Amino acid sequence: MFLYFPLSEFWRTFLTSFIGLLTLAGIMTRPFRWNESRIAMAGAFAMLLLGLIRPAVAATTLLRDWNTFLFFLGMMGLSALAETAGLFDWLAVRAAQLARGSAARLFLNVFLLGSVISMIFSNDATALILTPVVYVLVTKLRLPVLPYLFACTFIADTASFLLPISNPINIIVMSHFPLDLFSFLRLLFLPSLIVIAINVAMFYWLYRAQLKGKFDFSLLPTAEKAVKHKAYFRYTLWVLAFVAPSYVVASALQFPVSIVAVVGALLLLAGALFWKRTTLLEAGKGISWSIFGFIAGMFVVVRAIQDTGLTAKLGNLLLHLSGGTSFGAVMVGTFGAALGTNLINNVPMAVVMTSSLVSIQHAAPAIRNGFVAATMFGCDLGPNLTTVGSLATILWLLILRERDVEVSGLDYFKVGALVTPVMLFAGALTIWLLL
């Protein structure tokens, strides 16, 4: 099935680079309305068909990253089943109650709620679940929807490096460059708090005219009515109370957090089946299965490119551009990763950057850790600049279109261009000071 014929180093490198670039271009443009998963898998299949990567090497590459695949599965399962319990509706109603009729306080509560959901369930859950909940909430309260919807998508990425499990990108990077929990928090927790504060402050300024109003809380159902099944809801809270600290302990012990996520999802699934809140088929529909094909395809494509030595050259180029300083490493890593995410999406950019950084293992610890932290930071936060940077933003746009809310790429960029560069620079500077 696969073709194996002798190729000179030049032609092997040329074909591999061409297919890699064609795959990335396809992800950006999505010809024939193909989704990103189909394009990435087509690129991987082309690499295998032409013998540019052997099946055994591809299989080894995918098996090595089992933690990433299981983490996606566990987090999507946790999010979908917590939604089945009515947890996010309940939290939204509570946020409105705590706002005490103030549109501005509700705006702040949406940011805080999004931060908590991103921290525990990952940024994709914030975009996928919080967005429709907030849309229904503000529509019933007769408030302007766009400020609150923009808050949902921006905080999804802005708060996605509070913990290692807050963004799958962190897992992709840390699977190759293990950071203990203390090192992760030391380098990224404070920058996360700073950029969240900047995001809130700048959004308050941007939407100040639309946040002056009041709302009538009686227009909403009570928090109790948001709970769809009291016993399963309480059970969900107990499971999450177990899962959240387990993440911290697993990260501290450098135990695979994917196992914690999968166990938590299985516990919620068992409860949902027991109380007849879902079926296996319905639970399966809550999983975005195509994301696994997308990630697997990109892993194979980038591994083929890595074997040509091109990613090593990119790593050496990054090291050269950094000037051999920790400040340069953080700035080059942050803005290089951020730029790449807005060209090819943050998942393939994280894979490319991770492969490239393998070649700078010999660098001084401050420079190496600076690049690793900056890669996660740039790939996590950088997508706030455009609508194509991350899966979370793409999901957000699809949810809005289903509700006849149109936000063009230019409209999004106008907001992102004002806010994101400021957050990137402030966060990168903080990371450098913490090295």
Protein backbone atom coordinates (compact mmCIF):
# COMPACT_ATOMS: atom_id res chain seq x y z
CA MET A 1 0.00 0.00 0.00
CA PHE A 2 2.79 2.40 0.90
CA LEU A 3 5.44 3.38 -1.60
CA TYR A 4 9.08 2.93 -0.70
CA PHE A 5 11.63 4.03 -3.25
CA PRO A 6 15.02 5.64 -2.81
CA LEU A 7 14.93 9.40 -2.53
CA SER A 8 17.84 11.76 -2.23
CA GLU A 9 17.94 13.83 0.93
CA PHE A 10 16.98 16.89 -1.12
CA TRP A 11 13.86 15.33 -2.61
CA ARG A 12 12.78 13.76 0.68
CA THR A 13 13.10 17.13 2.41
CA PHE A 14 11.37 18.90 -0.48
CA LEU A 15 8.38 16.53 -0.60
CA THR A 16 8.00 16.46 3.17
CA SER A 17 8.12 20.27 3.38
CA PHE A 18 5.69 20.63 0.47
CA ILE A 19 3.12 18.28 2.01
CA GLY A 20 3.58 19.91 5.41
CA LEU A 21 3.04 23.40 4.00
CA LEU A 22 0.09 22.19 1.91
CA THR A 23 -1.48 20.69 5.04
CA LEU A 24 -1.04 23.91 7.01
CA ALA A 25 -2.40 25.96 4.10
CA GLY A 26 -5.40 23.65 3.93
CA ILE A 27 -6.07 24.12 7.63
CA MET A 28 -6.03 27.89 7.10
CA THR A 29 -8.24 27.94 3.99
CA ARG A 30 -10.38 24.76 4.40
CA PRO A 31 -10.91 24.02 0.67
CA PHE A 32 -14.07 22.15 -0.37
CA ARG A 33 -15.39 22.97 3.13
CA TRP A 34 -13.29 20.15 4.56
CA ASN A 35 -12.84 20.30 8.30
CA GLU A 36 -9.41 20.58 9.89
CA SER A 37 -9.42 16.91 10.89
CA ARG A 38 -9.84 15.64 7.33
CA ILE A 39 -7.07 17.93 6.07
CA ALA A 40 -4.60 16.91 8.78
CA MET A 41 -5.31 13.20 8.22
CA ALA A 42 -4.92 13.65 4.46
CA GLY A 43 -1.49 15.20 5.04
CA ALA A 44 -0.47 12.32 7.31
CA PHE A 45 -1.73 9.73 4.79
CA ALA A 46 0.24 11.42 2.00
CA MET A 47 3.40 11.22 4.14
CA LEU A 48 2.78 7.51 4.72
CA LEU A 49 1.83 6.77 1.12
CA LEU A 50 5.02 8.32 -0.24
CA GLY A 51 7.19 6.60 2.34
CA LEU A 52 8.23 9.88 3.93
CA ILE A 53 7.47 8.36 7.32
CA ARG A 54 7.20 4.67 8.09
CA PRO A 55 3.99 3.28 9.68
CA ALA A 56 5.94 1.99 12.68
CA VAL A 57 7.38 5.46 13.34
CA ALA A 58 3.95 7.07 12.95
CA ALA A 59 2.40 4.53 15.33
CA THR A 60 5.18 5.07 17.89
CA THR A 61 4.67 8.84 17.66
CA LEU A 62 0.95 8.54 18.37
CA LEU A 63 1.39 6.00 21.17
CA ARG A 64 3.97 8.25 22.85
CA ASP A 65 1.35 11.02 23.06
CA TRP A 66 -1.38 8.87 24.61
CA ASN A 67 -1.62 11.35 27.50
CA THR A 68 -2.77 14.11 25.12
CA PHE A 69 -5.49 11.97 23.50
CA LEU A 70 -6.81 10.68 26.81
CA PHE A 71 -6.83 14.21 28.25
CA PHE A 72 -9.02 15.48 25.39
CA LEU A 73 -11.36 12.52 25.87
CA GLY A 74 -11.61 12.97 29.63
CA MET A 75 -12.10 16.74 29.54
CA MET A 76 -14.79 16.61 26.85
CA GLY A 77 -16.56 13.89 28.80
CA LEU A 78 -16.40 15.83 32.06
CA SER A 79 -17.72 19.00 30.41
CA ALA A 80 -20.58 17.31 28.58
CA LEU A 81 -21.75 15.36 31.62
CA ALA A 82 -21.50 18.37 33.94
CA GLU A 83 -23.70 20.21 31.44
CA THR A 84 -26.16 17.30 31.58
CA ALA A 85 -26.39 17.87 35.34
CA GLY A 86 -27.28 21.55 34.77
CA LEU A 87 -24.13 22.75 36.50
CA PHE A 88 -23.35 25.58 34.08
CA ASP A 89 -26.93 26.88 33.99
CA TRP A 90 -26.92 26.88 37.79
CA LEU A 91 -23.62 28.76 37.92
CA ALA A 92 -24.88 31.37 35.45
CA VAL A 93 -28.01 32.05 37.47
CA ARG A 94 -25.89 32.36 40.62
CA ALA A 95 -23.62 34.82 38.81
CA ALA A 96 -26.66 36.92 37.93
CA GLN A 97 -27.90 36.79 41.53
CA LEU A 98 -24.54 37.98 42.85
CA ALA A 99 -24.57 40.88 40.36
CA ARG A 100 -27.61 42.33 42.24
CA GLY A 101 -29.10 43.92 39.14
CA SER A 102 -25.90 45.59 37.88
CA ALA A 103 -24.93 44.95 34.25
CA ALA A 104 -21.32 45.87 35.05
CA ARG A 105 -21.10 43.42 37.97
CA LEU A 106 -22.65 40.68 35.83
CA PHE A 107 -19.95 41.38 33.23
CA LEU A 108 -17.28 40.88 35.88
CA ASN A 109 -19.00 37.69 37.08
CA VAL A 110 -18.96 36.28 33.53
CA PHE A 111 -15.18 36.79 33.48
CA LEU A 112 -14.80 35.14 36.88
CA LEU A 113 -17.06 32.24 35.93
CA GLY A 114 -15.19 31.77 32.64
CA SER A 115 -11.88 31.75 34.53
CA VAL A 116 -13.08 29.00 36.87
CA ILE A 117 -14.48 26.87 34.03
CA SER A 118 -11.31 27.29 31.94
CA MET A 119 -9.13 26.48 34.93
CA ILE A 120 -10.96 23.22 35.78
CA PHE A 121 -12.61 22.09 32.52
CA SER A 122 -10.25 23.69 29.92
CA ASN A 123 -10.76 26.64 27.59
CA ASP A 124 -12.74 24.67 25.01
CA ALA A 125 -15.40 23.93 27.64
CA THR A 126 -15.73 27.64 28.36
CA ALA A 127 -16.36 28.45 24.70
CA LEU A 128 -18.58 25.45 24.05
CA ILE A 129 -20.72 25.50 27.20
CA LEU A 130 -20.53 28.94 28.81
CA THR A 131 -21.26 30.83 25.56
CA PRO A 132 -24.80 29.46 24.97
CA VAL A 133 -25.59 29.71 28.69
CA VAL A 134 -24.53 33.36 28.83
CA TYR A 135 -26.39 34.11 25.58
CA VAL A 136 -29.66 32.81 27.05
CA LEU A 137 -28.97 34.62 30.32
CA VAL A 138 -28.33 38.10 28.89
CA THR A 139 -31.10 37.73 26.30
CA LYS A 140 -33.65 37.01 29.03
CA LEU A 141 -32.29 39.95 31.04
CA ARG A 142 -32.59 42.20 27.94
CA LEU A 143 -28.96 43.24 28.04
CA PRO A 144 -26.67 43.85 25.02
CA VAL A 145 -25.29 40.44 24.13
CA LEU A 146 -21.98 41.18 22.38
CA PRO A 147 -19.96 42.45 25.38
CA TYR A 148 -20.83 39.32 27.37
CA LEU A 149 -20.23 36.97 24.43
CA PHE A 150 -16.83 38.54 23.73
CA ALA A 151 -16.04 38.08 27.42
CA CYS A 152 -16.76 34.34 27.05
CA THR A 153 -14.37 33.75 24.15
CA PHE A 154 -11.55 35.98 25.41
CA ILE A 155 -11.51 34.64 28.96
CA ALA A 156 -11.50 31.08 27.56
CA ASP A 157 -7.96 31.67 26.26
CA THR A 158 -6.83 34.34 28.74
CA ALA A 159 -7.41 32.00 31.70
CA SER A 160 -6.14 28.88 29.94
CA PHE A 161 -2.76 28.73 31.66
CA LEU A 162 -3.86 29.02 35.28
CA LEU A 163 -3.19 25.28 35.63
CA PRO A 164 -1.58 22.67 33.35
CA ILE A 165 -5.04 21.20 32.63
CA SER A 166 -6.58 24.54 31.65
CA ASN A 167 -5.65 24.12 27.98
CA PRO A 168 -4.81 20.95 26.02
CA ILE A 169 -1.92 22.92 24.51
CA ASN A 170 -0.23 22.79 27.92
CA ILE A 171 -0.49 19.00 27.93
CA ILE A 172 0.96 18.76 24.40
CA VAL A 173 3.99 20.84 25.39
CA MET A 174 4.48 19.33 28.84
CA SER A 175 4.35 15.79 27.46
CA HIS A 176 7.72 16.56 25.85
CA PHE A 177 9.11 19.07 28.34
CA PRO A 178 7.95 17.94 31.77
CA LEU A 179 7.53 20.83 34.20
CA ASP A 180 6.67 20.06 37.78
CA LEU A 181 3.61 21.84 39.15
CA PHE A 182 5.67 24.32 41.15
CA SER A 183 7.68 25.36 38.07
CA PHE A 184 4.52 25.74 35.99
CA LEU A 185 2.77 27.86 38.62
CA ARG A 186 5.91 29.89 39.32
CA LEU A 187 6.27 30.84 35.66
CA LEU A 188 2.67 31.11 34.48
CA PHE A 189 0.19 31.61 37.34
CA LEU A 190 1.05 35.24 38.08
CA PRO A 191 1.21 36.19 34.37
CA SER A 192 -2.23 34.60 34.02
CA LEU A 193 -3.67 36.74 36.81
CA ILE A 194 -2.10 39.85 35.28
CA VAL A 195 -3.47 39.26 31.79
CA ILE A 196 -6.92 38.41 33.20
CA ALA A 197 -6.90 41.74 35.04
CA ILE A 198 -5.80 43.57 31.86
CA ASN A 199 -8.48 41.78 29.82
CA VAL A 200 -11.23 42.77 32.29
CA ALA A 201 -10.04 46.37 32.56
CA MET A 202 -9.72 46.91 28.81
CA PHE A 203 -13.10 45.30 28.11
CA TYR A 204 -14.74 47.50 30.73
CA TRP A 205 -13.28 50.50 28.93
CA LEU A 206 -14.28 49.25 25.46
CA TYR A 207 -17.87 48.46 26.46
CA ARG A 208 -18.36 51.07 29.19
CA ALA A 209 -21.38 52.65 27.47
CA GLN A 210 -23.19 49.29 27.23
CA LEU A 211 -22.52 48.26 30.83
CA LYS A 212 -24.21 51.14 32.62
CA GLY A 213 -27.66 49.59 32.76
CA LYS A 214 -29.58 47.57 35.32
CA PHE A 215 -31.51 44.35 34.89
CA ASP A 216 -34.55 42.76 36.48
CA PHE A 217 -33.50 39.46 38.04
CA SER A 218 -37.14 38.30 38.23
CA LEU A 219 -36.94 37.65 34.47
CA LEU A 220 -34.78 34.59 35.21
CA PRO A 221 -35.75 31.20 36.63
CA THR A 222 -34.43 30.42 40.10
CA ALA A 223 -31.14 28.57 40.50
CA GLU A 224 -33.06 25.54 41.76
CA LYS A 225 -34.98 25.32 38.47
CA ALA A 226 -31.69 25.25 36.58
CA VAL A 227 -30.91 21.92 38.27
CA LYS A 228 -32.33 19.16 36.11
CA HIS A 229 -31.99 16.32 38.63
CA LYS A 230 -31.10 17.09 42.25
CA ALA A 231 -29.47 13.77 43.11
CA TYR A 232 -27.29 13.71 39.98
CA PHE A 233 -26.45 17.39 40.46
CA ARG A 234 -25.20 16.77 44.01
CA TYR A 235 -23.31 13.71 42.79
CA THR A 236 -21.66 15.82 40.06
CA LEU A 237 -20.51 18.37 42.65
CA TRP A 238 -18.96 15.59 44.76
CA VAL A 239 -17.15 14.11 41.76
CA LEU A 240 -15.79 17.52 40.73
CA ALA A 241 -14.75 18.17 44.33
CA PHE A 242 -12.67 15.00 44.00
CA VAL A 243 -11.35 15.73 40.48
CA ALA A 244 -10.20 19.33 41.04
CA PRO A 245 -7.70 18.64 43.86
CA SER A 246 -6.71 15.38 42.15
CA TYR A 247 -5.50 17.44 39.18
CA VAL A 248 -3.28 19.45 41.49
CA VAL A 249 -1.89 16.36 43.22
CA ALA A 250 -1.31 14.58 39.89
CA SER A 251 0.47 17.62 38.47
CA ALA A 252 2.63 17.92 41.59
CA LEU A 253 3.61 14.24 41.37
CA GLN A 254 3.96 14.45 37.55
CA PHE A 255 1.33 11.73 37.28
CA PRO A 256 -0.60 11.79 33.95
CA VAL A 257 -3.53 14.19 34.47
CA SER A 258 -5.35 12.47 31.60
CA ILE A 259 -6.03 9.51 33.89
CA VAL A 260 -7.63 11.83 36.44
CA ALA A 261 -9.80 13.38 33.70
CA VAL A 262 -10.89 9.99 32.33
CA VAL A 263 -11.67 8.60 35.79
CA GLY A 264 -13.71 11.70 36.61
CA ALA A 265 -15.63 11.40 33.32
CA LEU A 266 -16.31 7.70 33.95
CA LEU A 267 -17.63 8.47 37.44
CA LEU A 268 -19.98 11.11 36.04
CA LEU A 269 -21.06 8.74 33.28
CA ALA A 270 -21.82 6.02 35.80
CA GLY A 271 -23.99 8.43 37.79
CA ALA A 272 -25.75 9.71 34.67
CA LEU A 273 -26.57 6.15 33.58
CA PHE A 274 -27.73 5.20 37.07
CA TRP A 275 -30.13 8.16 37.29
CA LYS A 276 -31.07 7.77 33.61
CA ARG A 277 -29.87 11.26 32.71
CA THR A 278 -28.18 10.05 29.51
CA THR A 279 -27.38 6.98 27.44
CA LEU A 280 -24.06 5.80 26.06
CA LEU A 281 -25.10 7.01 22.61
CA GLU A 282 -26.07 10.47 23.88
CA ALA A 283 -22.88 10.71 25.94
CA GLY A 284 -20.85 9.80 22.85
CA LYS A 285 -22.48 12.64 20.92
CA GLY A 286 -21.05 15.07 23.48
CA ILE A 287 -17.52 14.16 22.36
CA SER A 288 -16.00 15.97 19.37
CA TRP A 289 -14.39 12.86 17.88
CA SER A 290 -12.92 14.71 14.90
CA ILE A 291 -10.42 16.50 17.17
CA PHE A 292 -8.56 13.19 17.62
CA GLY A 293 -8.06 12.85 13.87
CA PHE A 294 -6.86 16.45 13.70
CA ILE A 295 -4.28 15.99 16.45
CA ALA A 296 -3.14 12.57 15.21
CA GLY A 297 -2.70 13.88 11.68
CA MET A 298 -0.67 16.86 12.85
CA PHE A 299 1.54 14.69 15.06
CA VAL A 300 2.41 12.45 12.09
CA VAL A 301 2.98 15.37 9.68
CA VAL A 302 5.24 17.22 12.11
CA ARG A 303 7.15 14.03 13.00
CA ALA A 304 7.91 13.53 9.30
CA ILE A 305 9.14 17.13 9.07
CA GLN A 306 11.17 16.67 12.25
CA ASP A 307 12.95 13.67 10.74
CA THR A 308 14.24 15.87 7.90
CA GLY A 309 15.94 18.14 10.42
CA LEU A 310 13.83 21.20 9.50
CA THR A 311 12.31 21.65 12.95
CA ALA A 312 15.79 21.43 14.47
CA LYS A 313 16.83 24.27 12.16
CA LEU A 314 13.79 26.25 13.28
CA GLY A 315 14.79 25.65 16.90
CA ASN A 316 18.31 26.87 16.24
CA LEU A 317 16.89 29.91 14.44
CA LEU A 318 14.72 30.72 17.45
CA LEU A 319 17.76 30.36 19.71
CA HIS A 320 19.73 32.68 17.42
CA LEU A 321 16.93 35.27 17.34
CA SER A 322 16.78 35.21 21.13
CA GLY A 323 20.37 36.44 21.27
CA GLY A 324 21.15 33.73 23.81
CA THR A 325 19.33 35.61 26.59
CA SER A 326 16.36 34.63 28.72
CA PHE A 327 14.60 37.90 27.79
CA GLY A 328 15.04 37.14 24.10
CA ALA A 329 13.86 33.55 24.61
CA VAL A 330 10.62 34.67 26.26
CA MET A 331 9.87 37.42 23.76
CA VAL A 332 10.76 35.37 20.66
CA GLY A 333 8.90 32.34 22.01
CA THR A 334 5.81 34.32 22.97
CA PHE A 335 5.37 36.42 19.84
CA GLY A 336 6.58 33.68 17.49
CA ALA A 337 4.06 31.21 18.93
CA ALA A 338 1.31 33.86 18.95
CA LEU A 339 1.95 34.73 15.31
CA GLY A 340 1.96 31.07 14.32
CA THR A 341 -1.32 30.31 16.10
CA ASN A 342 -3.06 32.99 14.06
CA LEU A 343 -1.69 31.54 10.83
CA ILE A 344 -2.16 27.80 11.33
CA ASN A 345 -4.17 27.38 14.59
CA ASN A 346 -2.64 26.81 18.01
CA VAL A 347 -2.67 22.99 18.02
CA PRO A 348 -0.37 22.54 14.98
CA MET A 349 1.72 25.52 16.12
CA ALA A 350 2.23 23.92 19.54
CA VAL A 351 3.26 20.66 17.87
CA VAL A 352 5.72 22.48 15.57
CA MET A 353 7.18 24.54 18.42
CA THR A 354 7.52 21.50 20.68
CA SER A 355 9.35 19.61 17.95
CA SER A 356 11.61 22.62 17.29
CA LEU A 357 12.52 23.11 20.94
CA VAL A 358 13.90 19.58 21.20
CA SER A 359 17.03 20.89 19.49
CA ILE A 360 17.72 23.53 22.17
CA GLN A 361 17.91 21.12 25.11
CA HIS A 362 21.56 22.07 25.44
CA ALA A 363 20.70 25.73 26.14
CA ALA A 364 20.98 27.22 29.62
CA PRO A 365 18.04 26.30 31.91
CA ALA A 366 16.71 29.88 32.00
CA ILE A 367 16.66 30.06 28.20
CA ARG A 368 15.17 26.58 27.78
CA ASN A 369 12.47 27.15 30.42
CA GLY A 370 11.83 30.59 28.98
CA PHE A 371 11.10 29.10 25.55
CA VAL A 372 8.90 26.34 27.00
CA ALA A 373 6.83 28.71 29.17
CA ALA A 374 6.61 31.26 26.34
CA THR A 375 5.43 28.57 23.89
CA MET A 376 2.51 27.65 26.15
CA PHE A 377 1.78 31.31 26.87
CA GLY A 378 1.89 32.39 23.21
CA CYS A 379 -0.13 29.41 21.96
CA ASP A 380 -2.72 29.80 24.76
CA LEU A 381 -3.22 33.58 24.64
CA GLY A 382 -2.19 34.41 21.06
CA PRO A 383 -5.46 33.08 19.52
CA ASN A 384 -7.34 36.03 21.02
CA LEU A 385 -6.05 38.08 18.08
CA THR A 386 -8.11 36.41 15.31
CA THR A 387 -10.98 33.97 14.87
CA VAL A 388 -8.82 31.16 13.45
CA GLY A 389 -6.26 30.90 16.24
CA SER A 390 -7.86 28.25 18.42
CA LEU A 391 -10.57 25.61 18.45
CA ALA A 392 -12.28 27.47 21.31
CA THR A 393 -12.77 30.59 19.17
CA ILE A 394 -13.98 28.56 16.17
CA LEU A 395 -16.53 26.80 18.41
CA TRP A 396 -17.61 30.19 19.78
CA LEU A 397 -18.27 31.52 16.28
CA LEU A 398 -20.30 28.45 15.32
CA ILE A 399 -22.44 28.79 18.46
CA LEU A 400 -23.11 32.47 17.68
CA ARG A 401 -24.10 31.72 14.08
CA GLU A 402 -26.58 29.11 15.28
CA ARG A 403 -28.22 31.93 17.23
CA ASP A 404 -28.17 34.42 14.34
CA VAL A 405 -25.43 36.52 15.94
CA GLU A 406 -22.90 37.52 13.30
CA VAL A 407 -19.35 38.50 14.28
CA SER A 408 -17.07 38.93 11.27
CA GLY A 409 -13.37 38.18 11.33
CA LEU A 410 -12.71 41.92 11.02
CA ASP A 411 -14.99 42.74 13.96
CA TYR A 412 -13.14 40.20 16.08
CA PHE A 413 -9.74 41.44 14.93
CA LYS A 414 -10.61 45.04 15.87
CA VAL A 415 -11.11 43.93 19.47
CA GLY A 416 -8.23 41.44 19.48
CA ALA A 417 -5.74 43.91 18.02
CA LEU A 418 -6.47 46.38 20.82
CA VAL A 419 -6.28 43.94 23.71
CA THR A 420 -4.09 40.95 22.80
CA PRO A 421 -0.71 42.62 22.10
CA VAL A 422 -0.90 44.44 25.45
CA MET A 423 -1.65 41.20 27.27
CA LEU A 424 1.09 39.31 25.41
CA PHE A 425 3.76 41.86 26.23
CA ALA A 426 2.72 42.25 29.89
CA GLY A 427 2.55 38.49 30.41
CA ALA A 428 5.84 37.82 28.61
CA LEU A 429 7.59 40.49 30.65
CA THR A 430 6.25 38.90 33.85
CA ILE A 431 7.45 35.45 32.78
CA TRP A 432 10.93 36.83 32.12
CA LEU A 433 11.04 38.49 35.56
CA LEU A 434 10.06 35.17 37.17
CA LEU A 435 12.72 33.06 35.42
